[in-house]
Amino acid sequence: MIIPRLILCIVLLFAGLFVFISATIGVNRFKKPLNRMHAAAMGDTLGLLLIMLSLVVWRGLSFVSLKLIIVLVFFWLASPVSGHIIAQMEATTNEDLGEIEVLKPDEDI
């Protein structure tokens, strides 16, 4: 019973590490700040999900697993908001980005 769970944990852990490494390469290869932020945000979100799932599978259903899931939910709520605020600041203050059209919520496309 422990061997299939161990194999699943290892697969999830290595998948998470692969996503983190790919995101790091993407961050270093992109030249524009917004592209770098997108690569970092996507890599962090998916990589953290896979690694936390690996830990949850390893611990089984327990109080520790519940705490790991709560940390994952908090990260999934906080990371997009902070990334959006930083990207919005970059878009409004960086003159080298070119022309960016910002739509207001009440405007039609």
N, C-alpha and C. Protein backbone atom coordinates (compact mmCIF):
# COMPACT_ATOMS: atom_id res chain seq x y z
N MET A 1 0.81 -1.20 0.00
CA MET A 1 0.00 0.00 0.00
C MET A 1 0.86 1.26 0.00
N ILE A 2 2.02 1.20 0.62
CA ILE A 2 2.85 2.40 0.70
C ILE A 2 3.63 2.65 -0.60
N ILE A 3 3.90 1.61 -1.38
CA ILE A 3 4.69 1.78 -2.61
C ILE A 3 3.94 2.60 -3.66
N PRO A 4 2.66 2.33 -3.98
CA PRO A 4 1.97 3.19 -4.97
C PRO A 4 1.86 4.65 -4.51
N ARG A 5 1.64 4.84 -3.22
CA ARG A 5 1.56 6.21 -2.70
C ARG A 5 2.92 6.90 -2.81
N LEU A 6 4.00 6.18 -2.53
CA LEU A 6 5.34 6.73 -2.65
C LEU A 6 5.66 7.09 -4.10
N ILE A 7 5.28 6.22 -5.03
CA ILE A 7 5.53 6.48 -6.45
C ILE A 7 4.76 7.72 -6.90
N LEU A 8 3.50 7.84 -6.48
CA LEU A 8 2.70 9.01 -6.83
C LEU A 8 3.31 10.29 -6.26
N CYS A 9 3.78 10.21 -5.02
CA CYS A 9 4.43 11.38 -4.40
C CYS A 9 5.68 11.80 -5.16
N ILE A 10 6.47 10.83 -5.55
CA ILE A 10 7.70 11.14 -6.29
C ILE A 10 7.39 11.75 -7.64
N VAL A 11 6.38 11.20 -8.34
CA VAL A 11 6.00 11.73 -9.64
C VAL A 11 5.50 13.16 -9.51
N LEU A 12 4.64 13.43 -8.53
CA LEU A 12 4.13 14.78 -8.32
C LEU A 12 5.25 15.74 -7.93
N LEU A 13 6.17 15.29 -7.09
CA LEU A 13 7.28 16.13 -6.66
C LEU A 13 8.18 16.50 -7.83
N PHE A 14 8.53 15.53 -8.65
CA PHE A 14 9.39 15.81 -9.80
C PHE A 14 8.67 16.65 -10.85
N ALA A 15 7.36 16.46 -10.99
CA ALA A 15 6.59 17.31 -11.91
C ALA A 15 6.60 18.75 -11.42
N GLY A 16 6.44 18.96 -10.12
CA GLY A 16 6.51 20.30 -9.56
C GLY A 16 7.88 20.94 -9.74
N LEU A 17 8.92 20.15 -9.51
CA LEU A 17 10.28 20.68 -9.71
C LEU A 17 10.53 21.03 -11.18
N PHE A 18 10.00 20.19 -12.09
CA PHE A 18 10.14 20.48 -13.52
C PHE A 18 9.46 21.79 -13.88
N VAL A 19 8.27 22.03 -13.32
CA VAL A 19 7.55 23.28 -13.60
C VAL A 19 8.33 24.46 -13.03
N PHE A 20 8.86 24.34 -11.82
CA PHE A 20 9.64 25.43 -11.24
C PHE A 20 10.89 25.73 -12.07
N ILE A 21 11.58 24.71 -12.52
CA ILE A 21 12.79 24.90 -13.34
C ILE A 21 12.42 25.52 -14.68
N SER A 22 11.33 25.06 -15.29
CA SER A 22 10.89 25.63 -16.57
C SER A 22 10.51 27.10 -16.41
N ALA A 23 9.84 27.43 -15.32
CA ALA A 23 9.47 28.83 -15.08
C ALA A 23 10.71 29.68 -14.86
N THR A 24 11.70 29.15 -14.18
CA THR A 24 12.94 29.90 -13.96
C THR A 24 13.65 30.17 -15.28
N ILE A 25 13.68 29.18 -16.15
CA ILE A 25 14.28 29.38 -17.48
C ILE A 25 13.49 30.41 -18.26
N GLY A 26 12.15 30.33 -18.19
CA GLY A 26 11.32 31.29 -18.88
C GLY A 26 11.52 32.71 -18.37
N VAL A 27 11.65 32.86 -17.07
CA VAL A 27 11.88 34.19 -16.50
C VAL A 27 13.20 34.76 -17.00
N ASN A 28 14.20 33.93 -17.12
CA ASN A 28 15.51 34.42 -17.55
C ASN A 28 15.58 34.65 -19.06
N ARG A 29 14.73 34.00 -19.84
CA ARG A 29 14.80 34.15 -21.29
C ARG A 29 13.97 35.31 -21.81
N PHE A 30 12.87 35.62 -21.14
CA PHE A 30 12.03 36.72 -21.60
C PHE A 30 12.72 38.05 -21.34
N LYS A 31 12.43 39.02 -22.20
CA LYS A 31 13.06 40.32 -22.06
C LYS A 31 12.14 41.36 -21.42
N LYS A 32 10.85 41.26 -21.67
CA LYS A 32 9.92 42.27 -21.14
C LYS A 32 9.46 41.88 -19.73
N PRO A 33 9.31 42.87 -18.88
CA PRO A 33 8.95 42.59 -17.48
C PRO A 33 7.61 41.89 -17.32
N LEU A 34 6.62 42.25 -18.12
CA LEU A 34 5.31 41.61 -17.98
C LEU A 34 5.34 40.15 -18.40
N ASN A 35 6.13 39.83 -19.42
CA ASN A 35 6.28 38.43 -19.83
C ASN A 35 6.98 37.63 -18.73
N ARG A 36 7.97 38.24 -18.11
CA ARG A 36 8.67 37.58 -17.01
C ARG A 36 7.74 37.31 -15.84
N MET A 37 6.90 38.30 -15.53
CA MET A 37 5.96 38.12 -14.43
C MET A 37 4.96 37.02 -14.72
N HIS A 38 4.51 36.94 -15.97
CA HIS A 38 3.55 35.90 -16.33
C HIS A 38 4.17 34.51 -16.18
N ALA A 39 5.40 34.36 -16.66
CA ALA A 39 6.08 33.07 -16.54
C ALA A 39 6.28 32.69 -15.08
N ALA A 40 6.67 33.66 -14.28
CA ALA A 40 6.90 33.39 -12.86
C ALA A 40 5.60 33.04 -12.15
N ALA A 41 4.53 33.76 -12.44
CA ALA A 41 3.25 33.51 -11.76
C ALA A 41 2.67 32.15 -12.14
N MET A 42 2.71 31.82 -13.42
CA MET A 42 2.18 30.52 -13.85
C MET A 42 3.00 29.37 -13.28
N GLY A 43 4.33 29.53 -13.31
CA GLY A 43 5.20 28.48 -12.78
C GLY A 43 5.04 28.30 -11.28
N ASP A 44 4.93 29.38 -10.55
CA ASP A 44 4.75 29.29 -9.10
C ASP A 44 3.43 28.62 -8.75
N THR A 45 2.38 28.99 -9.44
CA THR A 45 1.06 28.46 -9.12
C THR A 45 0.99 26.95 -9.38
N LEU A 46 1.40 26.53 -10.57
CA LEU A 46 1.32 25.11 -10.89
C LEU A 46 2.36 24.31 -10.12
N GLY A 47 3.56 24.83 -10.00
CA GLY A 47 4.61 24.12 -9.26
C GLY A 47 4.25 23.92 -7.80
N LEU A 48 3.71 24.95 -7.17
CA LEU A 48 3.31 24.82 -5.77
C LEU A 48 2.17 23.83 -5.62
N LEU A 49 1.22 23.85 -6.56
CA LEU A 49 0.12 22.89 -6.50
C LEU A 49 0.64 21.46 -6.54
N LEU A 50 1.54 21.17 -7.46
CA LEU A 50 2.05 19.80 -7.59
C LEU A 50 2.86 19.38 -6.36
N ILE A 51 3.68 20.26 -5.85
CA ILE A 51 4.49 19.90 -4.69
C ILE A 51 3.62 19.74 -3.44
N MET A 52 2.66 20.62 -3.26
CA MET A 52 1.76 20.48 -2.10
C MET A 52 0.90 19.23 -2.21
N LEU A 53 0.45 18.91 -3.42
CA LEU A 53 -0.30 17.66 -3.60
C LEU A 53 0.57 16.45 -3.27
N SER A 54 1.83 16.53 -3.62
CA SER A 54 2.75 15.45 -3.27
C SER A 54 2.83 15.27 -1.76
N LEU A 55 2.94 16.37 -1.04
CA LEU A 55 3.00 16.29 0.42
C LEU A 55 1.69 15.81 1.03
N VAL A 56 0.56 16.25 0.46
CA VAL A 56 -0.74 15.81 0.97
C VAL A 56 -0.93 14.32 0.75
N VAL A 57 -0.52 13.82 -0.42
CA VAL A 57 -0.63 12.38 -0.70
C VAL A 57 0.27 11.61 0.25
N TRP A 58 1.46 12.12 0.52
CA TRP A 58 2.38 11.43 1.40
C TRP A 58 1.86 11.34 2.83
N ARG A 59 1.26 12.43 3.33
CA ARG A 59 0.76 12.45 4.71
C ARG A 59 -0.57 11.73 4.85
N GLY A 60 -1.32 11.59 3.77
CA GLY A 60 -2.65 11.00 3.86
C GLY A 60 -3.63 12.02 4.42
N LEU A 61 -4.82 11.57 4.75
CA LEU A 61 -5.81 12.48 5.31
C LEU A 61 -5.51 12.71 6.78
N SER A 62 -5.03 13.91 7.08
CA SER A 62 -4.70 14.25 8.46
C SER A 62 -4.83 15.75 8.65
N PHE A 63 -4.60 16.21 9.87
CA PHE A 63 -4.65 17.63 10.16
C PHE A 63 -3.54 18.38 9.43
N VAL A 64 -2.38 17.74 9.27
CA VAL A 64 -1.27 18.35 8.55
C VAL A 64 -1.65 18.57 7.09
N SER A 65 -2.35 17.61 6.49
CA SER A 65 -2.80 17.75 5.11
C SER A 65 -3.78 18.90 4.97
N LEU A 66 -4.65 19.06 5.95
CA LEU A 66 -5.59 20.17 5.94
C LEU A 66 -4.85 21.50 5.99
N LYS A 67 -3.82 21.59 6.81
CA LYS A 67 -3.04 22.83 6.88
C LYS A 67 -2.32 23.09 5.57
N LEU A 68 -1.80 22.05 4.92
CA LEU A 68 -1.15 22.24 3.63
C LEU A 68 -2.13 22.73 2.58
N ILE A 69 -3.34 22.21 2.60
CA ILE A 69 -4.36 22.65 1.64
C ILE A 69 -4.76 24.10 1.92
N ILE A 70 -4.84 24.49 3.18
CA ILE A 70 -5.17 25.88 3.52
C ILE A 70 -4.06 26.82 3.03
N VAL A 71 -2.81 26.42 3.19
CA VAL A 71 -1.70 27.23 2.69
C VAL A 71 -1.78 27.34 1.17
N LEU A 72 -2.11 26.25 0.50
CA LEU A 72 -2.24 26.27 -0.96
C LEU A 72 -3.36 27.20 -1.39
N VAL A 73 -4.50 27.15 -0.73
CA VAL A 73 -5.63 28.02 -1.07
C VAL A 73 -5.25 29.49 -0.84
N PHE A 74 -4.58 29.78 0.27
CA PHE A 74 -4.14 31.15 0.53
C PHE A 74 -3.20 31.63 -0.56
N PHE A 75 -2.26 30.79 -0.95
CA PHE A 75 -1.32 31.18 -2.00
C PHE A 75 -2.05 31.41 -3.31
N TRP A 76 -3.01 30.56 -3.63
CA TRP A 76 -3.76 30.69 -4.87
C TRP A 76 -4.64 31.93 -4.86
N LEU A 77 -5.03 32.42 -3.70
CA LEU A 77 -5.81 33.65 -3.62
C LEU A 77 -4.92 34.89 -3.63
N ALA A 78 -3.79 34.84 -2.95
CA ALA A 78 -2.94 36.00 -2.80
C ALA A 78 -2.02 36.24 -4.00
N SER A 79 -1.53 35.19 -4.61
CA SER A 79 -0.56 35.35 -5.69
C SER A 79 -1.12 36.07 -6.92
N PRO A 80 -2.29 35.71 -7.43
CA PRO A 80 -2.81 36.44 -8.59
C PRO A 80 -3.11 37.91 -8.29
N VAL A 81 -3.58 38.18 -7.10
CA VAL A 81 -3.89 39.57 -6.74
C VAL A 81 -2.61 40.39 -6.68
N SER A 82 -1.59 39.89 -6.01
CA SER A 82 -0.34 40.65 -5.93
C SER A 82 0.33 40.76 -7.29
N GLY A 83 0.27 39.70 -8.10
CA GLY A 83 0.84 39.76 -9.44
C GLY A 83 0.12 40.78 -10.32
N HIS A 84 -1.21 40.86 -10.19
CA HIS A 84 -1.97 41.82 -10.96
C HIS A 84 -1.63 43.25 -10.55
N ILE A 85 -1.49 43.49 -9.26
CA ILE A 85 -1.16 44.83 -8.78
C ILE A 85 0.23 45.25 -9.27
N ILE A 86 1.19 44.34 -9.21
CA ILE A 86 2.54 44.66 -9.67
C ILE A 86 2.55 44.89 -11.17
N ALA A 87 1.81 44.07 -11.94
CA ALA A 87 1.75 44.24 -13.39
C ALA A 87 1.06 45.55 -13.76
N GLN A 88 0.03 45.92 -13.02
CA GLN A 88 -0.66 47.17 -13.28
C GLN A 88 0.26 48.36 -13.01
N MET A 89 1.03 48.28 -11.95
CA MET A 89 1.98 49.34 -11.65
C MET A 89 3.05 49.43 -12.75
N GLU A 90 3.52 48.29 -13.21
CA GLU A 90 4.53 48.27 -14.27
C GLU A 90 3.96 48.87 -15.56
N ALA A 91 2.73 48.53 -15.88
CA ALA A 91 2.11 49.02 -17.11
C ALA A 91 1.87 50.53 -17.05
N THR A 92 1.58 51.06 -15.89
CA THR A 92 1.30 52.50 -15.80
C THR A 92 2.56 53.34 -15.63
N THR A 93 3.65 52.77 -15.16
CA THR A 93 4.85 53.58 -14.90
C THR A 93 5.96 53.38 -15.92
N ASN A 94 5.96 52.28 -16.66
CA ASN A 94 7.04 52.01 -17.60
C ASN A 94 6.68 52.59 -18.96
N GLU A 95 7.44 53.55 -19.42
CA GLU A 95 7.17 54.19 -20.70
C GLU A 95 7.71 53.38 -21.87
N ASP A 96 8.56 52.40 -21.63
CA ASP A 96 9.16 51.60 -22.69
C ASP A 96 8.25 50.46 -23.17
N LEU A 97 7.11 50.26 -22.53
CA LEU A 97 6.23 49.16 -22.94
C LEU A 97 5.46 49.46 -24.21
N GLY A 98 5.41 50.70 -24.62
CA GLY A 98 4.64 51.07 -25.79
C GLY A 98 3.22 51.42 -25.38
N GLU A 99 2.34 51.45 -26.36
CA GLU A 99 0.96 51.83 -26.07
C GLU A 99 0.18 50.62 -25.59
N ILE A 100 -0.43 50.75 -24.43
CA ILE A 100 -1.26 49.70 -23.85
C ILE A 100 -2.65 50.26 -23.69
N GLU A 101 -3.62 49.53 -24.21
CA GLU A 101 -5.00 49.98 -24.08
C GLU A 101 -5.59 49.39 -22.81
N VAL A 102 -6.02 50.26 -21.92
CA VAL A 102 -6.62 49.83 -20.67
C VAL A 102 -8.12 50.04 -20.78
N LEU A 103 -8.86 48.95 -20.64
CA LEU A 103 -10.32 49.02 -20.72
C LEU A 103 -10.91 49.21 -19.35
N LYS A 104 -11.87 50.09 -19.28
CA LYS A 104 -12.62 50.26 -18.04
C LYS A 104 -13.71 49.20 -18.00
N PRO A 105 -14.18 48.82 -16.83
CA PRO A 105 -15.20 47.77 -16.73
C PRO A 105 -16.51 48.09 -17.46
N ASP A 106 -16.83 49.38 -17.61
CA ASP A 106 -18.10 49.71 -18.25
C ASP A 106 -17.98 49.95 -19.75
N GLU A 107 -16.77 49.83 -20.32
CA GLU A 107 -16.57 50.03 -21.76
C GLU A 107 -16.77 48.72 -22.51
N ASP A 108 -17.29 48.83 -23.73
CA ASP A 108 -17.43 47.67 -24.61
C ASP A 108 -16.17 47.50 -25.43
N ILE A 109 -15.93 46.27 -25.81
CA ILE A 109 -14.73 45.99 -26.60
C ILE A 109 -14.98 46.31 -28.05
